[in-house]
Amino acid sequence: MRVHRWLPRSVRVGFWDQVRAGVAAKPAARAVGLSPTTGVRLFRQAGGVIGNAPARPGPLRLSLAEREEIACLKAAGQGPRAIGRAIGRPASTVSRELARNTGSSGRYRAVSAQHTAENRAKRPKAAKLAADTVLREVVQDRLDRKWSPRQIARRLVLEFPDQPEMRVSHETIYQALYVQGKGALRRELTQALRTGRALRMPRRQAQARRARPAGRIPDMVNISERPAEVTDRAVPGHWEGDLILGKNNKSAIGTLVERSTRFVMLLHLPHGRDAATVAAAMTETIQTLPPLLLKSLTWDQGKEMAHHKKITLATGIDIYFCDPHAPWQRGTNENTNGLLRQYFPTSTDLSQHTAADLARVAAELNGRPRETLDWHTPAEALEALLSNQQTMRVATTM
């Protein structure tokens, strides 16, 4: 496949700017004067949207515009000091540029100098994951466990603090998966990523999912009456919950996530999602928790929570309800449900999953490092929380 090195830098930068803004490859190509076929070829050659597209020149590198100015001023008889003052660069930079990139004819041409500088800047070294077998195996193992490249990169810093050779950026992992010529990782591992795409696509503005119609729930307590301590996440034991639905909304799984640790628990609902079934499954699950984690639960106004008072009587946990069409009031749970869709797609029958399946998925999610936990896992955060509580309890009895 052709690399298209002949394309001007400004054209390539413009093309990728268009793609990152959400424009498809063909319209992006037309916008910068390329054929649609060339745009698609560039897009696929790079494995989709790339993080290392031709970058705009930084303060350490001369731009094409600066080189054009140098060429004009040199042709007018100006010396390196005068040229440097005109473009805001040191005279040594101008002298070095002229010495390096002046042609054999003695003439300095901006476009030729730009191409020469770009070729000189390339580093034909082997990709890090291709050269390091140990690091590659660690990364592949985490991808198999459905960790994101960013989670892998940040967790390596925690797990190997004294081994700089065990560091890799998330962008390097993405390139090893997607970019042609850097495929050090198995291509099928792209299916383990949250999107499961074979190409990286431009990020589009997220749209809030359509909230379900509000049910008539008797005696419900609005989220506005929830204690203020819930908001700052400093106090553990406050949960958010919801249902994720399967094909044609005929099957469901209940989801619970603790706000401070992001610890996830799943409700097995193979026989339906009516209020009595949900109340029974939720009561059984919540009763497995220690008293420290039984403070409150926030849910939306779905009819499946019509028996909320029975849940409170059985477990002691206070239940609050979000405003209609306000999923952001359960932001942690919404994010968790998005992660769970990697395991439970909307187009599938969720009742086919056993309780053991749900326990395995919950354990896998609780074993993923989270940025909001300083790249520790929810399981580690919960264990630390319970250990601290036990230590405090022992100290007060001595």
Protein backbone atom coordinates (compact mmCIF):
# COMPACT_ATOMS: atom_id res chain seq x y z
CA MET A 1 0.00 0.00 0.00
CA ARG A 2 1.35 3.41 -0.91
CA VAL A 3 2.47 5.72 1.87
CA HIS A 4 1.78 8.99 0.03
CA ARG A 5 4.94 10.74 1.20
CA TRP A 6 4.44 13.18 -1.64
CA LEU A 7 1.46 14.80 0.06
CA PRO A 8 2.28 18.25 1.47
CA ARG A 9 2.37 18.39 5.24
CA SER A 10 -0.36 21.02 5.34
CA VAL A 11 -2.67 18.72 3.36
CA ARG A 12 -2.06 15.76 5.67
CA VAL A 13 -2.54 17.86 8.80
CA GLY A 14 -5.75 19.32 7.37
CA PHE A 15 -7.08 15.87 6.48
CA TRP A 16 -6.53 14.48 10.00
CA ASP A 17 -7.95 17.62 11.61
CA GLN A 18 -11.14 17.03 9.62
CA VAL A 19 -11.27 13.35 10.60
CA ARG A 20 -10.74 14.07 14.31
CA ALA A 21 -13.56 16.59 14.15
CA GLY A 22 -15.88 13.73 13.15
CA VAL A 23 -15.84 14.13 9.37
CA ALA A 24 -15.77 10.87 7.40
CA ALA A 25 -12.66 10.05 5.35
CA LYS A 26 -14.16 10.85 1.94
CA PRO A 27 -15.58 14.31 2.80
CA ALA A 28 -12.37 15.07 4.75
CA ALA A 29 -10.34 14.29 1.64
CA ARG A 30 -12.50 16.52 -0.56
CA ALA A 31 -12.18 19.36 1.96
CA VAL A 32 -8.38 19.43 1.52
CA GLY A 33 -8.37 18.83 -2.22
CA LEU A 34 -7.76 15.06 -2.28
CA SER A 35 -9.77 12.39 -4.04
CA PRO A 36 -12.15 10.34 -1.86
CA THR A 37 -10.19 7.19 -2.73
CA THR A 38 -6.98 8.73 -1.43
CA GLY A 39 -8.73 9.76 1.79
CA VAL A 40 -10.01 6.23 2.42
CA ARG A 41 -6.57 4.80 1.65
CA LEU A 42 -4.89 7.17 4.13
CA PHE A 43 -7.48 6.37 6.79
CA ARG A 44 -7.15 2.59 6.45
CA GLN A 45 -3.38 2.71 6.13
CA ALA A 46 -3.22 4.41 9.54
CA GLY A 47 -5.66 1.94 11.12
CA GLY A 48 -8.29 4.63 11.60
CA VAL A 49 -7.96 7.84 13.57
CA ILE A 50 -4.37 8.20 14.73
CA GLY A 51 -2.90 10.03 17.66
CA ASN A 52 0.40 10.67 15.96
CA ALA A 53 -0.83 12.25 12.76
CA PRO A 54 1.53 14.84 11.26
CA ALA A 55 1.70 17.31 14.12
CA ARG A 56 1.86 21.03 13.73
CA PRO A 57 5.45 22.21 14.16
CA GLY A 58 6.29 23.00 17.75
CA PRO A 59 8.65 25.66 19.07
CA LEU A 60 11.69 23.44 18.44
CA ARG A 61 11.01 22.81 14.76
CA LEU A 62 10.79 25.21 11.87
CA SER A 63 7.50 25.26 10.02
CA LEU A 64 7.08 25.34 6.26
CA ALA A 65 5.94 28.97 6.52
CA GLU A 66 9.14 29.88 8.39
CA ARG A 67 11.24 28.09 5.82
CA GLU A 68 9.49 30.02 3.04
CA GLU A 69 10.31 33.25 4.88
CA ILE A 70 13.96 32.16 5.20
CA ALA A 71 14.10 31.45 1.47
CA CYS A 72 12.68 34.87 0.56
CA LEU A 73 14.96 36.79 2.94
CA LYS A 74 18.05 34.84 1.87
CA ALA A 75 17.26 35.55 -1.79
CA ALA A 76 17.00 39.24 -0.85
CA GLY A 77 20.54 39.09 0.53
CA GLN A 78 19.74 39.02 4.26
CA GLY A 79 22.13 37.25 6.64
CA PRO A 80 21.29 34.73 9.41
CA ARG A 81 21.02 37.41 12.12
CA ALA A 82 18.59 39.58 10.14
CA ILE A 83 16.56 36.54 9.09
CA GLY A 84 16.46 35.30 12.69
CA ARG A 85 15.14 38.64 13.92
CA ALA A 86 12.49 38.66 11.20
CA ILE A 87 11.09 35.20 12.04
CA GLY A 88 11.75 35.28 15.78
CA ARG A 89 14.40 32.57 15.78
CA PRO A 90 18.04 32.57 16.99
CA ALA A 91 20.63 33.27 14.32
CA SER A 92 22.21 29.88 15.08
CA THR A 93 18.96 28.13 14.13
CA VAL A 94 18.89 29.94 10.79
CA SER A 95 22.58 29.19 10.14
CA ARG A 96 22.10 25.52 10.92
CA GLU A 97 19.02 25.36 8.68
CA LEU A 98 20.83 26.92 5.76
CA ALA A 99 23.88 24.67 6.21
CA ARG A 100 21.80 21.50 6.38
CA ASN A 101 19.19 22.08 3.73
CA THR A 102 20.77 24.23 1.03
CA GLY A 103 20.90 22.30 -2.23
CA SER A 104 24.00 21.48 -4.29
CA SER A 105 23.22 24.44 -6.54
CA GLY A 106 23.65 26.75 -3.56
CA ARG A 107 19.98 27.69 -3.53
CA TYR A 108 17.74 27.20 -0.51
CA ARG A 109 14.22 26.00 -1.37
CA ALA A 110 11.59 25.85 1.36
CA VAL A 111 9.63 22.80 0.15
CA SER A 112 12.77 20.72 -0.43
CA ALA A 113 14.12 21.77 2.97
CA GLN A 114 10.83 20.75 4.62
CA HIS A 115 10.89 17.29 3.02
CA THR A 116 14.55 16.81 3.93
CA ALA A 117 13.89 17.78 7.56
CA GLU A 118 10.91 15.44 7.84
CA ASN A 119 12.86 12.50 6.43
CA ARG A 120 15.77 13.24 8.76
CA ALA A 121 13.43 13.29 11.78
CA LYS A 122 12.13 9.77 11.13
CA ARG A 123 13.37 7.03 13.41
CA PRO A 124 13.45 3.60 11.74
CA LYS A 125 13.65 1.79 15.08
CA ALA A 126 11.62 -1.29 15.89
CA ALA A 127 8.31 -0.77 17.66
CA LYS A 128 8.69 -1.22 21.43
CA LEU A 129 6.14 -4.00 21.74
CA ALA A 130 7.66 -5.85 18.80
CA ALA A 131 11.13 -5.79 20.36
CA ASP A 132 10.20 -6.63 23.97
CA THR A 133 8.62 -10.08 24.30
CA VAL A 134 7.96 -9.83 28.05
CA LEU A 135 6.21 -6.46 27.80
CA ARG A 136 4.21 -7.63 24.80
CA GLU A 137 2.94 -10.70 26.65
CA VAL A 138 1.90 -8.60 29.65
CA VAL A 139 0.01 -6.16 27.41
CA GLN A 140 -1.69 -8.98 25.49
CA ASP A 141 -2.76 -10.65 28.73
CA ARG A 142 -4.40 -7.41 29.95
CA LEU A 143 -6.11 -6.89 26.60
CA ASP A 144 -7.49 -10.43 26.84
CA ARG A 145 -8.95 -9.37 30.20
CA LYS A 146 -10.64 -6.44 28.44
CA TRP A 147 -8.50 -3.70 29.99
CA SER A 148 -8.26 -0.54 27.90
CA PRO A 149 -4.83 0.54 26.56
CA ARG A 150 -4.92 3.53 28.92
CA GLN A 151 -5.61 1.30 31.93
CA ILE A 152 -2.75 -0.99 30.91
CA ALA A 153 -0.28 1.86 30.45
CA ARG A 154 -1.03 3.50 33.80
CA ARG A 155 -1.18 0.23 35.72
CA LEU A 156 2.28 -0.82 34.47
CA VAL A 157 3.71 2.22 36.26
CA LEU A 158 2.22 0.99 39.55
CA GLU A 159 3.18 -2.66 39.12
CA PHE A 160 6.72 -2.11 37.84
CA PRO A 161 7.87 1.12 39.53
CA ASP A 162 11.59 0.23 39.26
CA GLN A 163 11.50 -1.19 35.73
CA PRO A 164 11.30 1.61 33.17
CA GLU A 165 11.58 -0.97 30.39
CA MET A 166 8.09 -2.15 31.40
CA ARG A 167 6.48 1.15 30.44
CA VAL A 168 4.49 1.76 27.29
CA SER A 169 2.05 4.53 26.36
CA HIS A 170 -1.56 3.81 25.51
CA GLU A 171 -1.01 5.33 22.07
CA THR A 172 1.78 2.82 21.38
CA ILE A 173 -0.62 0.00 22.26
CA TYR A 174 -3.27 1.40 19.93
CA GLN A 175 -0.73 1.68 17.12
CA ALA A 176 0.43 -1.90 17.69
CA LEU A 177 -3.18 -3.00 17.25
CA TYR A 178 -4.25 -0.79 14.38
CA VAL A 179 -1.42 0.81 12.42
CA GLN A 180 -0.07 -1.07 9.45
CA GLY A 181 3.60 -1.95 9.90
CA LYS A 182 3.42 -1.71 13.71
CA GLY A 183 1.21 -4.71 14.35
CA ALA A 184 3.19 -6.25 17.19
CA LEU A 185 -0.03 -7.35 18.92
CA ARG A 186 -2.52 -9.90 17.69
CA ARG A 187 -5.07 -8.11 15.50
CA GLU A 188 -7.96 -10.10 16.97
CA LEU A 189 -7.29 -8.36 20.29
CA THR A 190 -9.15 -5.35 18.88
CA GLN A 191 -12.31 -7.35 19.64
CA ALA A 192 -11.41 -7.19 23.33
CA LEU A 193 -11.50 -3.38 23.28
CA ARG A 194 -14.66 -1.69 24.41
CA THR A 195 -15.63 -0.65 20.86
CA GLY A 196 -14.56 -3.91 19.22
CA ARG A 197 -13.81 -2.02 16.00
CA ALA A 198 -11.24 -3.07 13.42
CA LEU A 199 -10.44 0.62 12.77
CA ARG A 200 -10.14 3.58 15.12
CA MET A 201 -13.02 5.94 14.53
CA PRO A 202 -13.32 9.66 15.36
CA ARG A 203 -14.87 10.43 18.71
CA ARG A 204 -18.37 11.78 18.41
CA GLN A 205 -20.19 13.78 20.99
CA ALA A 206 -21.87 11.46 23.43
CA GLN A 207 -25.65 11.46 23.51
CA ALA A 208 -27.53 10.70 26.66
CA ARG A 209 -29.62 7.58 26.29
CA ARG A 210 -33.35 7.96 26.18
CA ALA A 211 -34.69 7.62 29.67
CA ARG A 212 -37.52 5.22 30.31
CA PRO A 213 -40.96 6.67 31.05
CA ALA A 214 -41.40 7.48 34.69
CA GLY A 215 -43.41 4.93 36.61
CA ARG A 216 -45.91 5.72 39.32
CA ILE A 217 -43.94 4.66 42.36
CA PRO A 218 -45.69 5.22 45.68
CA ASP A 219 -43.87 6.95 48.52
CA MET A 220 -40.65 7.48 46.58
CA VAL A 221 -38.06 9.90 48.00
CA ASN A 222 -36.53 12.30 45.47
CA ILE A 223 -32.78 12.62 45.01
CA SER A 224 -32.99 16.22 46.25
CA GLU A 225 -33.53 14.79 49.75
CA ARG A 226 -30.43 12.59 49.58
CA PRO A 227 -27.76 13.47 52.20
CA ALA A 228 -25.10 15.92 51.05
CA GLU A 229 -22.34 13.46 52.01
CA VAL A 230 -23.28 11.32 48.99
CA THR A 231 -22.16 13.96 46.51
CA ASP A 232 -18.46 14.19 47.41
CA ARG A 233 -17.96 10.37 47.52
CA ALA A 234 -15.90 10.70 50.69
CA VAL A 235 -18.24 8.43 52.67
CA PRO A 236 -18.56 4.82 51.43
CA GLY A 237 -21.77 2.84 51.28
CA HIS A 238 -23.74 4.91 48.78
CA TRP A 239 -24.78 2.99 45.65
CA GLU A 240 -26.29 3.71 42.25
CA GLY A 241 -28.35 1.16 40.33
CA ASP A 242 -30.25 0.46 37.15
CA LEU A 243 -31.23 -2.31 34.74
CA ILE A 244 -29.53 -3.07 31.44
CA LEU A 245 -31.98 -4.58 28.95
CA GLY A 246 -31.49 -7.23 26.31
CA LYS A 247 -33.03 -7.84 22.89
CA ASN A 248 -36.48 -6.27 22.47
CA ASN A 249 -36.37 -5.29 26.17
CA LYS A 250 -37.44 -8.84 27.10
CA SER A 251 -34.55 -9.67 29.43
CA ALA A 252 -32.56 -7.73 32.00
CA ILE A 253 -29.64 -7.69 34.42
CA GLY A 254 -29.59 -5.46 37.50
CA THR A 255 -26.49 -3.37 38.14
CA LEU A 256 -25.26 -1.87 41.40
CA VAL A 257 -22.10 0.25 41.74
CA GLU A 258 -20.67 1.79 44.90
CA ARG A 259 -19.89 5.48 44.38
CA SER A 260 -16.59 5.79 46.25
CA THR A 261 -14.87 2.54 45.19
CA ARG A 262 -16.72 1.87 41.88
CA PHE A 263 -17.25 -1.70 43.08
CA VAL A 264 -19.84 -3.49 40.91
CA MET A 265 -22.46 -6.09 41.82
CA LEU A 266 -24.88 -7.68 39.34
CA LEU A 267 -28.43 -8.92 39.94
CA HIS A 268 -29.39 -12.18 38.25
CA LEU A 269 -32.89 -11.78 36.77
CA PRO A 270 -33.48 -14.79 34.49
CA HIS A 271 -37.24 -14.89 35.09
CA GLY A 272 -38.17 -11.26 34.46
CA ARG A 273 -37.84 -7.74 35.80
CA ASP A 274 -41.13 -7.13 37.59
CA ALA A 275 -41.03 -5.29 40.90
CA ALA A 276 -41.28 -8.42 43.08
CA THR A 277 -38.48 -10.23 41.23
CA VAL A 278 -36.16 -7.22 41.34
CA ALA A 279 -36.88 -6.63 45.03
CA ALA A 280 -36.08 -10.26 45.90
CA ALA A 281 -32.83 -10.29 43.90
CA MET A 282 -31.72 -6.93 45.28
CA THR A 283 -32.49 -7.87 48.88
CA GLU A 284 -30.51 -11.11 48.57
CA THR A 285 -27.51 -9.27 47.07
CA ILE A 286 -27.51 -6.31 49.46
CA GLN A 287 -27.73 -8.56 52.52
CA THR A 288 -24.29 -9.96 51.63
CA LEU A 289 -22.71 -6.53 52.29
CA PRO A 290 -21.22 -5.38 55.62
CA PRO A 291 -23.06 -2.58 57.51
CA LEU A 292 -20.40 -0.07 56.44
CA LEU A 293 -21.70 -0.32 52.86
CA LEU A 294 -25.44 -0.06 53.59
CA LYS A 295 -26.24 3.64 53.47
CA SER A 296 -28.18 4.56 50.33
CA LEU A 297 -29.15 3.51 46.82
CA THR A 298 -30.07 5.86 43.98
CA TRP A 299 -32.24 4.52 41.12
CA ASP A 300 -34.24 5.97 38.26
CA GLN A 301 -38.04 6.05 38.26
CA GLY A 302 -38.53 2.63 36.67
CA LYS A 303 -41.55 0.57 37.72
CA GLU A 304 -39.25 -2.29 38.69
CA MET A 305 -38.61 -0.39 41.95
CA ALA A 306 -42.26 -0.23 43.00
CA HIS A 307 -41.40 -2.43 46.02
CA HIS A 308 -38.61 -0.15 47.24
CA LYS A 309 -40.06 0.08 50.74
CA LYS A 310 -39.79 -3.70 51.15
CA ILE A 311 -36.13 -3.52 50.16
CA THR A 312 -35.49 -0.81 52.73
CA LEU A 313 -37.26 -2.76 55.48
CA ALA A 314 -35.29 -5.91 54.69
CA THR A 315 -31.86 -4.31 54.30
CA GLY A 316 -31.95 -0.95 56.08
CA ILE A 317 -30.66 0.86 52.98
CA ASP A 318 -32.33 4.17 52.07
CA ILE A 319 -33.51 4.44 48.45
CA TYR A 320 -33.70 7.69 46.47
CA PHE A 321 -35.04 8.30 42.97
CA CYS A 322 -33.60 10.48 40.21
CA ASP A 323 -35.57 13.12 38.38
CA PRO A 324 -37.23 11.96 35.13
CA HIS A 325 -34.93 11.93 32.08
CA ALA A 326 -31.84 12.72 34.19
CA PRO A 327 -29.43 9.77 33.82
CA TRP A 328 -26.48 12.01 34.72
CA GLN A 329 -27.71 11.95 38.31
CA ARG A 330 -26.46 8.36 38.32
CA GLY A 331 -23.30 9.10 36.36
CA THR A 332 -21.18 6.35 37.91
CA ASN A 333 -23.81 3.75 37.13
CA GLU A 334 -24.27 5.02 33.57
CA ASN A 335 -20.53 4.67 32.97
CA THR A 336 -20.54 1.18 34.47
CA ASN A 337 -23.45 0.12 32.28
CA GLY A 338 -21.48 1.26 29.26
CA LEU A 339 -18.60 -1.01 30.32
CA LEU A 340 -21.01 -3.90 30.87
CA ARG A 341 -22.30 -3.64 27.31
CA GLN A 342 -18.94 -5.05 26.24
CA TYR A 343 -20.08 -8.30 27.87
CA PHE A 344 -23.85 -8.03 27.46
CA PRO A 345 -24.74 -6.47 24.06
CA THR A 346 -28.20 -4.94 23.67
CA SER A 347 -29.06 -7.28 20.81
CA THR A 348 -28.73 -10.46 22.90
CA ASP A 349 -30.92 -12.42 25.29
CA LEU A 350 -29.55 -11.60 28.75
CA SER A 351 -31.52 -14.35 30.46
CA GLN A 352 -29.16 -16.95 28.99
CA HIS A 353 -26.40 -15.86 31.37
CA THR A 354 -26.09 -17.79 34.63
CA ALA A 355 -25.40 -16.34 38.06
CA ALA A 356 -21.85 -17.67 37.70
CA ASP A 357 -21.48 -15.76 34.42
CA LEU A 358 -22.53 -12.54 36.14
CA ALA A 359 -20.15 -13.16 39.04
CA ARG A 360 -17.27 -13.69 36.61
CA VAL A 361 -18.03 -10.47 34.72
CA ALA A 362 -18.37 -8.48 37.94
CA ALA A 363 -15.03 -9.84 39.16
CA GLU A 364 -13.39 -8.89 35.87
CA LEU A 365 -14.76 -5.33 36.04
CA ASN A 366 -13.73 -5.02 39.68
CA GLY A 367 -10.25 -6.08 38.63
CA ARG A 368 -9.81 -3.29 36.07
CA PRO A 369 -7.73 -0.29 37.19
CA ARG A 370 -9.55 3.05 37.16
CA GLU A 371 -8.09 6.50 36.64
CA THR A 372 -10.40 7.96 39.29
CA LEU A 373 -8.87 5.49 41.81
CA ASP A 374 -5.30 6.48 40.88
CA TRP A 375 -5.14 3.37 38.70
CA HIS A 376 -6.03 0.98 41.49
CA THR A 377 -8.90 -1.44 40.99
CA PRO A 378 -12.35 -1.29 42.62
CA ALA A 379 -11.58 -4.58 44.37
CA GLU A 380 -8.39 -3.11 45.83
CA ALA A 381 -10.21 0.07 46.87
CA LEU A 382 -12.93 -1.93 48.62
CA GLU A 383 -10.40 -4.18 50.35
CA ALA A 384 -8.47 -1.15 51.60
CA LEU A 385 -11.70 0.41 52.83
CA LEU A 386 -12.75 -2.69 54.77
CA SER A 387 -9.22 -3.18 56.15
CA ASN A 388 -9.14 0.39 57.45
CA GLN A 389 -12.53 -0.10 59.06
CA GLN A 390 -11.34 -3.29 60.76
CA THR A 391 -8.18 -1.53 62.01
CA MET A 392 -10.23 1.33 63.45
CA ARG A 393 -12.58 -1.12 65.14
CA VAL A 394 -9.69 -2.98 66.79
CA ALA A 395 -8.09 0.29 67.91
CA THR A 396 -11.28 1.47 69.62
CA THR A 397 -11.63 -1.79 71.59
CA MET A 398 -8.08 -1.71 72.98
